[in-house]
Amino acid sequence: MKEVFLRLALVIALELVNAVEAYLHSLMASRRRSNDAAWDNRPKFV
């Protein structure tokens, strides 16, 4: 029974890590998009 509980805890921990990683990835992607938009809207001296 202890092994089942440990395996369940391991699966939950891995799922949490995956969720946090996906959240950070989307956060960085949205920040990169806003940076690209700011760079495209910069004043052009040409």
N, C-alpha and C. Protein backbone atom coordinates (compact mmCIF):
# COMPACT_ATOMS: atom_id res chain seq x y z
N MET A 1 0.83 -1.21 0.00
CA MET A 1 0.00 0.00 0.00
C MET A 1 0.87 1.26 0.00
N LYS A 2 2.01 1.18 0.69
CA LYS A 2 2.89 2.34 0.74
C LYS A 2 3.47 2.65 -0.64
N GLU A 3 3.80 1.60 -1.41
CA GLU A 3 4.33 1.84 -2.74
C GLU A 3 3.32 2.54 -3.63
N VAL A 4 2.05 2.16 -3.50
CA VAL A 4 1.01 2.80 -4.31
C VAL A 4 0.92 4.28 -3.96
N PHE A 5 0.97 4.58 -2.66
CA PHE A 5 0.88 5.98 -2.24
C PHE A 5 2.09 6.78 -2.75
N LEU A 6 3.27 6.18 -2.66
CA LEU A 6 4.47 6.88 -3.15
C LEU A 6 4.40 7.10 -4.65
N ARG A 7 3.91 6.10 -5.38
CA ARG A 7 3.79 6.25 -6.83
C ARG A 7 2.78 7.34 -7.18
N LEU A 8 1.67 7.38 -6.44
CA LEU A 8 0.67 8.42 -6.67
C LEU A 8 1.26 9.80 -6.37
N ALA A 9 2.01 9.92 -5.28
CA ALA A 9 2.64 11.20 -4.95
C ALA A 9 3.63 11.61 -6.03
N LEU A 10 4.37 10.65 -6.58
CA LEU A 10 5.32 10.96 -7.64
C LEU A 10 4.60 11.45 -8.89
N VAL A 11 3.51 10.80 -9.25
CA VAL A 11 2.75 11.22 -10.43
C VAL A 11 2.20 12.63 -10.22
N ILE A 12 1.67 12.90 -9.03
CA ILE A 12 1.13 14.24 -8.76
C ILE A 12 2.23 15.28 -8.83
N ALA A 13 3.41 14.96 -8.29
CA ALA A 13 4.53 15.91 -8.33
C ALA A 13 4.95 16.18 -9.78
N LEU A 14 5.01 15.14 -10.59
CA LEU A 14 5.39 15.33 -11.99
C LEU A 14 4.35 16.17 -12.73
N GLU A 15 3.07 15.93 -12.45
CA GLU A 15 2.02 16.74 -13.09
C GLU A 15 2.14 18.20 -12.68
N LEU A 16 2.44 18.44 -11.40
CA LEU A 16 2.61 19.83 -10.95
C LEU A 16 3.79 20.49 -11.66
N VAL A 17 4.89 19.75 -11.80
CA VAL A 17 6.06 20.31 -12.49
C VAL A 17 5.70 20.63 -13.94
N ASN A 18 4.98 19.73 -14.60
CA ASN A 18 4.59 19.98 -15.99
C ASN A 18 3.68 21.19 -16.09
N ALA A 19 2.74 21.34 -15.15
CA ALA A 19 1.83 22.48 -15.19
C ALA A 19 2.59 23.78 -14.99
N VAL A 20 3.51 23.80 -14.03
CA VAL A 20 4.29 25.02 -13.79
C VAL A 20 5.16 25.34 -15.00
N GLU A 21 5.74 24.32 -15.61
CA GLU A 21 6.59 24.54 -16.77
C GLU A 21 5.78 25.11 -17.94
N ALA A 22 4.58 24.56 -18.16
CA ALA A 22 3.73 25.07 -19.24
C ALA A 22 3.30 26.50 -18.95
N TYR A 23 3.00 26.81 -17.68
CA TYR A 23 2.60 28.17 -17.32
C TYR A 23 3.74 29.15 -17.56
N LEU A 24 4.95 28.78 -17.14
CA LEU A 24 6.09 29.67 -17.36
C LEU A 24 6.37 29.83 -18.85
N HIS A 25 6.21 28.76 -19.63
CA HIS A 25 6.46 28.84 -21.06
C HIS A 25 5.47 29.80 -21.72
N SER A 26 4.17 29.70 -21.36
CA SER A 26 3.18 30.61 -21.94
C SER A 26 3.43 32.04 -21.49
N LEU A 27 3.88 32.20 -20.24
CA LEU A 27 4.19 33.55 -19.75
C LEU A 27 5.34 34.16 -20.55
N MET A 28 6.38 33.38 -20.81
CA MET A 28 7.51 33.90 -21.58
C MET A 28 7.09 34.17 -23.02
N ALA A 29 6.23 33.32 -23.57
CA ALA A 29 5.79 33.52 -24.95
C ALA A 29 4.97 34.81 -25.06
N SER A 30 4.08 35.07 -24.10
CA SER A 30 3.28 36.29 -24.16
C SER A 30 4.17 37.51 -23.97
N ARG A 31 5.17 37.41 -23.10
CA ARG A 31 6.08 38.54 -22.92
C ARG A 31 6.87 38.79 -24.19
N ARG A 32 7.27 37.71 -24.88
CA ARG A 32 8.01 37.87 -26.13
C ARG A 32 7.12 38.53 -27.18
N ARG A 33 5.83 38.13 -27.22
CA ARG A 33 4.92 38.75 -28.17
C ARG A 33 4.78 40.25 -27.91
N SER A 34 4.63 40.65 -26.62
CA SER A 34 4.47 42.07 -26.33
C SER A 34 5.76 42.82 -26.66
N ASN A 35 6.92 42.19 -26.45
CA ASN A 35 8.17 42.84 -26.82
C ASN A 35 8.26 43.02 -28.33
N ASP A 36 7.83 42.02 -29.09
CA ASP A 36 7.84 42.15 -30.54
C ASP A 36 6.91 43.26 -30.99
N ALA A 37 5.74 43.38 -30.36
CA ALA A 37 4.80 44.43 -30.73
C ALA A 37 5.39 45.80 -30.41
N ALA A 38 6.03 45.94 -29.26
CA ALA A 38 6.64 47.22 -28.91
C ALA A 38 7.76 47.56 -29.89
N TRP A 39 8.51 46.54 -30.32
CA TRP A 39 9.59 46.79 -31.27
C TRP A 39 9.02 47.18 -32.63
N ASP A 40 7.90 46.59 -33.04
CA ASP A 40 7.29 46.95 -34.32
C ASP A 40 6.68 48.34 -34.27
N ASN A 41 6.23 48.80 -33.09
CA ASN A 41 5.60 50.11 -32.97
C ASN A 41 6.60 51.20 -32.62
N ARG A 42 7.88 50.92 -32.69
CA ARG A 42 8.87 51.94 -32.32
C ARG A 42 8.87 53.04 -33.38
N PRO A 43 9.24 54.25 -33.00
CA PRO A 43 9.33 55.32 -34.01
C PRO A 43 10.41 55.00 -35.02
N LYS A 44 10.09 55.22 -36.27
CA LYS A 44 11.02 54.87 -37.34
C LYS A 44 11.65 56.16 -37.87
N PHE A 45 12.97 56.16 -37.92
CA PHE A 45 13.70 57.36 -38.34
C PHE A 45 14.22 57.20 -39.76
N VAL A 46 13.46 56.51 -40.60
CA VAL A 46 13.93 56.27 -41.96
C VAL A 46 13.09 57.11 -42.91
